[in-house]
């Protein structure tokens, strides 16, 4: 696999509401042959806000189309969440669906990763960090 290692998809202050924007637009390209990725999403909560969703996505077409591989949902409390995605997880044909709640779409890994964030309410003194250990 090209460029195995640990990458930061986000390390940022969360403030005003976010509306589903991709925040890591120069994400980790050149990850051809990625067979697995371990993800850690950590919210250091300050105050305010109602909910925050961080969705890790992958692409098979150079970033034109993004597919959900992991969704992390947070509220008004500090939390750290983990997920592991294996490229070899799916053994048959399955219909793709965006993740509507916290969970994973195992078995699909393209050649790049990015992060989509959305939030409700205004957070203050709150930091989100999302890291990916690619192998």
N, C-alpha and C. Protein backbone atom coordinates (compact mmCIF):
# COMPACT_ATOMS: atom_id res chain seq x y z
N UNK A 1 0.85 -1.18 0.00
CA UNK A 1 0.00 0.00 0.00
C UNK A 1 0.88 1.22 0.00
N UNK A 2 0.46 2.24 -0.69
CA UNK A 2 1.19 3.49 -0.77
C UNK A 2 0.92 4.33 0.47
N UNK A 3 1.96 4.87 1.06
CA UNK A 3 1.85 5.88 2.11
C UNK A 3 1.12 5.44 3.38
N UNK A 4 1.42 4.26 3.88
CA UNK A 4 0.85 3.84 5.16
C UNK A 4 1.32 4.82 6.23
N UNK A 5 0.50 5.04 7.25
CA UNK A 5 0.88 5.95 8.33
C UNK A 5 -0.33 6.48 9.06
N UNK A 6 -0.08 7.41 9.97
CA UNK A 6 -1.15 8.05 10.74
C UNK A 6 -1.37 9.45 10.19
N UNK A 7 -2.61 9.77 9.89
CA UNK A 7 -2.97 11.05 9.29
C UNK A 7 -4.01 11.76 10.16
N UNK A 8 -3.95 13.08 10.18
CA UNK A 8 -4.96 13.88 10.88
C UNK A 8 -5.96 14.38 9.86
N UNK A 9 -7.20 13.93 9.99
CA UNK A 9 -8.27 14.41 9.11
C UNK A 9 -8.82 15.74 9.60
N UNK A 10 -8.80 15.94 10.93
CA UNK A 10 -9.26 17.20 11.51
C UNK A 10 -8.64 17.37 12.88
N UNK A 11 -8.30 18.60 13.19
CA UNK A 11 -7.90 19.02 14.52
C UNK A 11 -8.31 20.48 14.59
N UNK A 12 -9.52 20.72 15.07
CA UNK A 12 -10.09 22.05 14.92
C UNK A 12 -11.05 22.42 16.03
N UNK A 13 -11.18 23.73 16.21
CA UNK A 13 -12.18 24.29 17.12
C UNK A 13 -13.54 24.19 16.44
N UNK A 14 -14.55 23.84 17.21
CA UNK A 14 -15.93 23.81 16.71
C UNK A 14 -16.64 25.01 17.30
N UNK A 15 -17.28 25.80 16.45
CA UNK A 15 -17.97 27.00 16.91
C UNK A 15 -19.37 27.06 16.33
N UNK A 16 -19.55 27.93 15.34
CA UNK A 16 -20.86 28.11 14.71
C UNK A 16 -21.31 26.82 14.04
N UNK A 17 -22.63 26.65 13.87
CA UNK A 17 -23.14 25.43 13.24
C UNK A 17 -22.50 25.16 11.88
N UNK A 18 -22.24 23.89 11.60
CA UNK A 18 -21.66 23.44 10.33
C UNK A 18 -22.72 22.68 9.57
N UNK A 19 -22.70 22.78 8.24
CA UNK A 19 -23.79 22.19 7.46
C UNK A 19 -23.32 21.14 6.46
N UNK A 20 -22.58 20.17 6.92
CA UNK A 20 -22.23 19.06 6.05
C UNK A 20 -21.12 19.36 5.07
N UNK A 21 -20.22 20.24 5.41
CA UNK A 21 -19.12 20.58 4.53
C UNK A 21 -17.97 19.59 4.68
N UNK A 22 -17.31 19.28 3.57
CA UNK A 22 -16.10 18.47 3.65
C UNK A 22 -15.00 19.39 4.15
N UNK A 23 -14.38 19.01 5.28
CA UNK A 23 -13.37 19.88 5.88
C UNK A 23 -11.95 19.45 5.53
N UNK A 24 -11.78 18.23 5.06
CA UNK A 24 -10.44 17.78 4.68
C UNK A 24 -10.42 17.60 3.17
N UNK A 25 -10.50 18.72 2.44
CA UNK A 25 -10.58 18.63 0.99
C UNK A 25 -9.25 18.29 0.35
N UNK A 26 -8.13 18.49 1.01
CA UNK A 26 -6.90 17.93 0.49
C UNK A 26 -6.60 16.77 1.39
N UNK A 27 -7.53 15.82 1.39
CA UNK A 27 -7.41 14.75 2.35
C UNK A 27 -6.21 13.91 2.05
N UNK A 28 -6.26 12.74 2.48
CA UNK A 28 -5.17 11.82 2.28
C UNK A 28 -5.31 11.20 0.90
N UNK A 29 -4.75 11.81 -0.15
CA UNK A 29 -4.78 11.13 -1.45
C UNK A 29 -3.62 10.13 -1.48
N UNK A 30 -3.49 9.43 -2.57
CA UNK A 30 -2.37 8.50 -2.77
C UNK A 30 -2.34 7.40 -1.73
N UNK A 31 -3.50 6.87 -1.39
CA UNK A 31 -3.57 5.75 -0.44
C UNK A 31 -3.94 4.46 -1.18
N UNK A 32 -3.53 4.36 -2.45
CA UNK A 32 -3.84 3.18 -3.24
C UNK A 32 -3.37 1.92 -2.53
N UNK A 33 -4.22 0.91 -2.54
CA UNK A 33 -3.88 -0.36 -1.90
C UNK A 33 -4.18 -0.39 -0.42
N UNK A 34 -4.84 0.66 0.11
CA UNK A 34 -5.20 0.69 1.53
C UNK A 34 -6.06 -0.53 1.83
N UNK A 35 -5.64 -1.33 2.81
CA UNK A 35 -6.40 -2.54 3.15
C UNK A 35 -7.19 -2.39 4.44
N UNK A 36 -6.82 -1.41 5.26
CA UNK A 36 -7.54 -1.18 6.52
C UNK A 36 -7.23 0.21 7.02
N UNK A 37 -8.13 0.72 7.85
CA UNK A 37 -7.90 2.01 8.51
C UNK A 37 -8.55 1.96 9.89
N UNK A 38 -7.80 2.36 10.89
CA UNK A 38 -8.34 2.52 12.24
C UNK A 38 -8.56 4.01 12.45
N UNK A 39 -9.75 4.35 12.96
CA UNK A 39 -10.14 5.75 13.12
C UNK A 39 -10.37 6.08 14.59
N UNK A 40 -9.92 7.26 14.98
CA UNK A 40 -10.19 7.77 16.33
C UNK A 40 -10.77 9.16 16.19
N UNK A 41 -11.97 9.36 16.74
CA UNK A 41 -12.62 10.67 16.75
C UNK A 41 -12.78 11.08 18.21
N UNK A 42 -12.26 12.25 18.54
CA UNK A 42 -12.27 12.70 19.93
C UNK A 42 -12.82 14.12 20.02
N UNK A 43 -13.85 14.29 20.82
CA UNK A 43 -14.44 15.60 21.06
C UNK A 43 -14.07 16.03 22.47
N UNK A 44 -13.36 17.16 22.57
CA UNK A 44 -13.06 17.78 23.86
C UNK A 44 -14.09 18.89 24.03
N UNK A 45 -15.09 18.61 24.86
CA UNK A 45 -16.25 19.51 24.98
C UNK A 45 -15.97 20.67 25.92
N UNK A 46 -16.41 21.85 25.48
CA UNK A 46 -16.36 23.04 26.32
C UNK A 46 -17.76 23.36 26.82
N UNK A 47 -18.55 23.99 25.95
CA UNK A 47 -19.93 24.31 26.32
C UNK A 47 -20.74 24.57 25.05
N UNK A 48 -22.06 24.70 25.22
CA UNK A 48 -22.96 25.00 24.11
C UNK A 48 -23.15 23.82 23.18
N UNK A 49 -23.73 24.10 22.04
CA UNK A 49 -23.95 23.07 21.02
C UNK A 49 -24.92 22.00 21.46
N UNK A 50 -25.49 21.31 20.48
CA UNK A 50 -26.44 20.24 20.75
C UNK A 50 -25.92 18.91 20.22
N UNK A 51 -25.50 18.91 18.95
CA UNK A 51 -25.01 17.67 18.34
C UNK A 51 -23.96 17.98 17.28
N UNK A 52 -23.06 17.02 17.11
CA UNK A 52 -21.99 17.13 16.12
C UNK A 52 -21.84 15.77 15.46
N UNK A 53 -21.80 15.75 14.13
CA UNK A 53 -21.61 14.51 13.38
C UNK A 53 -20.35 14.64 12.54
N UNK A 54 -19.47 13.64 12.67
CA UNK A 54 -18.24 13.57 11.88
C UNK A 54 -18.31 12.30 11.05
N UNK A 55 -18.29 12.44 9.73
CA UNK A 55 -18.39 11.29 8.83
C UNK A 55 -17.10 11.18 8.02
N UNK A 56 -16.41 10.06 8.18
CA UNK A 56 -15.22 9.78 7.39
C UNK A 56 -15.69 9.15 6.08
N UNK A 57 -15.18 9.69 4.98
CA UNK A 57 -15.60 9.24 3.65
C UNK A 57 -14.39 8.81 2.83
N UNK A 58 -14.66 7.99 1.81
CA UNK A 58 -13.62 7.54 0.89
C UNK A 58 -14.12 7.75 -0.54
N UNK A 59 -13.20 7.73 -1.50
CA UNK A 59 -13.58 7.95 -2.89
C UNK A 59 -12.87 6.95 -3.79
N UNK A 60 -13.58 6.54 -4.83
CA UNK A 60 -13.01 5.65 -5.86
C UNK A 60 -12.77 6.39 -7.17
N UNK A 61 -13.14 7.68 -7.23
CA UNK A 61 -13.05 8.43 -8.49
C UNK A 61 -12.36 9.78 -8.31
N UNK A 62 -11.25 9.77 -7.59
CA UNK A 62 -10.44 10.99 -7.38
C UNK A 62 -11.19 12.10 -6.67
N UNK A 63 -12.13 11.76 -5.80
CA UNK A 63 -12.81 12.77 -5.00
C UNK A 63 -14.04 13.38 -5.63
N UNK A 64 -14.50 12.84 -6.76
CA UNK A 64 -15.73 13.35 -7.36
C UNK A 64 -16.93 12.90 -6.53
N UNK A 65 -16.95 11.64 -6.15
CA UNK A 65 -18.02 11.06 -5.34
C UNK A 65 -17.42 10.53 -4.05
N UNK A 66 -18.06 10.81 -2.93
CA UNK A 66 -17.58 10.37 -1.62
C UNK A 66 -18.56 9.37 -1.03
N UNK A 67 -18.03 8.30 -0.44
CA UNK A 67 -18.84 7.25 0.19
C UNK A 67 -18.55 7.20 1.69
N UNK A 68 -19.59 7.15 2.51
CA UNK A 68 -19.44 7.08 3.97
C UNK A 68 -18.81 5.74 4.36
N UNK A 69 -17.78 5.80 5.22
CA UNK A 69 -17.24 4.55 5.78
C UNK A 69 -17.38 4.51 7.30
N UNK A 70 -17.46 5.66 7.96
CA UNK A 70 -17.66 5.67 9.41
C UNK A 70 -18.35 6.97 9.81
N UNK A 71 -19.30 6.85 10.73
CA UNK A 71 -20.00 8.03 11.24
C UNK A 71 -19.90 8.03 12.76
N UNK A 72 -19.45 9.19 13.28
CA UNK A 72 -19.31 9.40 14.72
C UNK A 72 -20.28 10.50 15.14
N UNK A 73 -21.16 10.21 16.08
CA UNK A 73 -22.14 11.19 16.58
C UNK A 73 -21.76 11.60 18.00
N UNK A 74 -21.76 12.91 18.23
CA UNK A 74 -21.43 13.48 19.54
C UNK A 74 -22.54 14.41 19.99
N UNK A 75 -22.63 14.64 21.30
CA UNK A 75 -23.62 15.56 21.85
C UNK A 75 -22.92 16.65 22.63
N UNK A 76 -23.39 16.89 23.84
CA UNK A 76 -22.85 17.96 24.68
C UNK A 76 -22.02 17.36 25.81
N UNK A 77 -21.04 16.53 25.43
CA UNK A 77 -20.15 15.91 26.42
C UNK A 77 -18.88 15.45 25.71
N UNK A 78 -17.78 15.43 26.42
CA UNK A 78 -16.53 14.92 25.85
C UNK A 78 -16.66 13.42 25.60
N UNK A 79 -16.07 12.96 24.49
CA UNK A 79 -16.10 11.52 24.17
C UNK A 79 -15.02 11.20 23.16
N UNK A 80 -14.55 9.97 23.20
CA UNK A 80 -13.63 9.45 22.19
C UNK A 80 -14.25 8.19 21.63
N UNK A 81 -14.30 8.10 20.30
CA UNK A 81 -14.93 6.95 19.64
C UNK A 81 -13.93 6.36 18.64
N UNK A 82 -13.99 5.03 18.48
CA UNK A 82 -13.05 4.31 17.61
C UNK A 82 -13.81 3.46 16.61
N UNK A 83 -13.20 3.26 15.43
CA UNK A 83 -13.75 2.37 14.41
C UNK A 83 -12.60 1.76 13.63
N UNK A 84 -12.80 0.56 13.14
CA UNK A 84 -11.81 -0.09 12.29
C UNK A 84 -12.52 -0.57 11.03
N UNK A 85 -12.00 -0.19 9.88
CA UNK A 85 -12.60 -0.56 8.60
C UNK A 85 -11.61 -1.45 7.86
N UNK A 86 -12.09 -2.58 7.35
CA UNK A 86 -11.26 -3.52 6.58
C UNK A 86 -11.75 -3.52 5.14
N UNK A 87 -10.84 -3.44 4.19
CA UNK A 87 -11.22 -3.49 2.78
C UNK A 87 -11.79 -4.85 2.42
N UNK A 88 -11.40 -5.88 3.15
CA UNK A 88 -11.85 -7.24 2.82
C UNK A 88 -13.11 -7.65 3.55
N UNK A 89 -13.81 -6.71 4.17
CA UNK A 89 -14.97 -7.04 4.98
C UNK A 89 -16.17 -7.54 4.20
N UNK A 90 -16.48 -6.93 3.06
CA UNK A 90 -17.66 -7.32 2.29
C UNK A 90 -17.33 -8.50 1.40
N UNK A 91 -18.15 -9.53 1.46
CA UNK A 91 -17.90 -10.74 0.68
C UNK A 91 -18.84 -10.87 -0.52
N UNK A 92 -19.84 -10.06 -0.59
CA UNK A 92 -20.80 -10.15 -1.68
C UNK A 92 -21.21 -8.77 -2.13
N UNK A 93 -22.12 -8.72 -3.06
CA UNK A 93 -22.62 -7.44 -3.57
C UNK A 93 -23.64 -6.89 -2.58
N UNK A 94 -23.49 -5.62 -2.27
CA UNK A 94 -24.41 -4.97 -1.33
C UNK A 94 -24.79 -3.60 -1.88
N UNK A 95 -26.00 -3.18 -1.58
CA UNK A 95 -26.42 -1.84 -1.96
C UNK A 95 -25.74 -0.85 -1.02
N UNK A 96 -25.26 0.27 -1.59
CA UNK A 96 -24.62 1.30 -0.78
C UNK A 96 -25.70 2.22 -0.21
N UNK A 97 -25.50 2.63 1.04
CA UNK A 97 -26.37 3.64 1.65
C UNK A 97 -25.51 4.52 2.56
N UNK A 98 -25.72 5.84 2.49
CA UNK A 98 -25.06 6.74 3.44
C UNK A 98 -25.44 6.32 4.85
N UNK A 99 -24.53 6.54 5.77
CA UNK A 99 -24.80 6.20 7.17
C UNK A 99 -25.72 7.24 7.79
N UNK A 100 -26.89 6.81 8.28
CA UNK A 100 -27.86 7.72 8.87
C UNK A 100 -27.71 7.88 10.37
N UNK A 101 -26.89 7.03 10.98
CA UNK A 101 -26.62 7.09 12.41
C UNK A 101 -25.22 6.53 12.64
N UNK A 102 -24.73 6.68 13.84
CA UNK A 102 -23.38 6.23 14.16
C UNK A 102 -23.20 4.77 13.73
N UNK A 103 -22.10 4.48 13.03
CA UNK A 103 -21.84 3.13 12.56
C UNK A 103 -20.77 3.13 11.49
N UNK A 104 -20.63 1.97 10.81
CA UNK A 104 -19.62 1.83 9.75
C UNK A 104 -20.20 1.14 8.53
N UNK A 105 -19.62 1.41 7.38
CA UNK A 105 -19.81 0.67 6.14
C UNK A 105 -18.51 -0.07 5.91
N UNK A 106 -18.42 -1.28 6.40
CA UNK A 106 -17.18 -2.04 6.31
C UNK A 106 -17.03 -2.63 4.91
N UNK A 107 -15.78 -2.81 4.50
CA UNK A 107 -15.51 -3.49 3.24
C UNK A 107 -15.29 -2.56 2.06
N UNK A 108 -15.39 -1.23 2.25
CA UNK A 108 -15.17 -0.31 1.13
C UNK A 108 -14.10 0.71 1.51
N UNK A 109 -13.00 0.68 0.78
CA UNK A 109 -11.93 1.67 0.96
C UNK A 109 -11.39 2.04 -0.42
N UNK A 110 -11.53 3.32 -0.76
CA UNK A 110 -10.99 3.81 -2.02
C UNK A 110 -9.52 4.16 -1.85
N UNK A 111 -9.07 5.19 -2.58
CA UNK A 111 -7.66 5.57 -2.52
C UNK A 111 -7.42 6.91 -1.84
N UNK A 112 -8.45 7.41 -1.11
CA UNK A 112 -8.33 8.67 -0.37
C UNK A 112 -9.38 8.72 0.72
N UNK A 113 -9.14 9.58 1.72
CA UNK A 113 -10.07 9.78 2.83
C UNK A 113 -10.33 11.27 3.00
N UNK A 114 -11.51 11.60 3.48
CA UNK A 114 -11.86 12.98 3.82
C UNK A 114 -12.84 12.94 4.99
N UNK A 115 -13.23 14.12 5.46
CA UNK A 115 -14.12 14.22 6.61
C UNK A 115 -15.22 15.23 6.32
N UNK A 116 -16.47 14.84 6.62
CA UNK A 116 -17.62 15.72 6.51
C UNK A 116 -18.12 16.02 7.92
N UNK A 117 -18.32 17.29 8.23
CA UNK A 117 -18.81 17.69 9.56
C UNK A 117 -20.13 18.42 9.44
N UNK A 118 -21.02 18.15 10.39
CA UNK A 118 -22.22 18.96 10.54
C UNK A 118 -22.52 19.06 12.03
N UNK A 119 -23.10 20.18 12.42
CA UNK A 119 -23.41 20.39 13.83
C UNK A 119 -24.67 21.21 13.98
N UNK A 120 -25.26 21.10 15.17
CA UNK A 120 -26.45 21.88 15.53
C UNK A 120 -26.09 22.67 16.78
N UNK A 121 -26.40 23.94 16.77
CA UNK A 121 -26.07 24.80 17.91
C UNK A 121 -24.65 25.32 17.81
N UNK A 122 -24.35 26.30 18.62
CA UNK A 122 -23.02 26.92 18.62
C UNK A 122 -22.22 26.40 19.79
N UNK A 123 -21.12 25.74 19.48
CA UNK A 123 -20.21 25.23 20.50
C UNK A 123 -19.21 26.31 20.88
N UNK A 124 -18.70 26.23 22.08
CA UNK A 124 -17.68 27.16 22.56
C UNK A 124 -16.60 26.36 23.27
N UNK A 125 -15.35 26.74 23.05
CA UNK A 125 -14.21 26.06 23.67
C UNK A 125 -14.27 24.54 23.46
N UNK A 126 -14.65 24.13 22.26
CA UNK A 126 -14.80 22.71 21.93
C UNK A 126 -13.88 22.37 20.76
N UNK A 127 -13.17 21.26 20.89
CA UNK A 127 -12.21 20.85 19.86
C UNK A 127 -12.54 19.44 19.38
N UNK A 128 -12.47 19.24 18.06
CA UNK A 128 -12.64 17.91 17.48
C UNK A 128 -11.33 17.49 16.83
N UNK A 129 -10.97 16.26 17.07
CA UNK A 129 -9.80 15.68 16.42
C UNK A 129 -10.18 14.34 15.85
N UNK A 130 -9.84 14.12 14.56
CA UNK A 130 -10.10 12.84 13.91
C UNK A 130 -8.81 12.39 13.25
N UNK A 131 -8.36 11.20 13.62
CA UNK A 131 -7.10 10.66 13.09
C UNK A 131 -7.36 9.31 12.44
N UNK A 132 -6.54 9.00 11.43
CA UNK A 132 -6.68 7.75 10.68
C UNK A 132 -5.32 7.06 10.62
N UNK A 133 -5.26 5.82 11.09
CA UNK A 133 -4.06 5.00 10.97
C UNK A 133 -4.31 4.06 9.79
N UNK A 134 -3.63 4.36 8.69
CA UNK A 134 -3.86 3.66 7.43
C UNK A 134 -2.83 2.57 7.23
N UNK A 135 -3.29 1.39 6.81
CA UNK A 135 -2.38 0.30 6.48
C UNK A 135 -2.92 -0.50 5.33
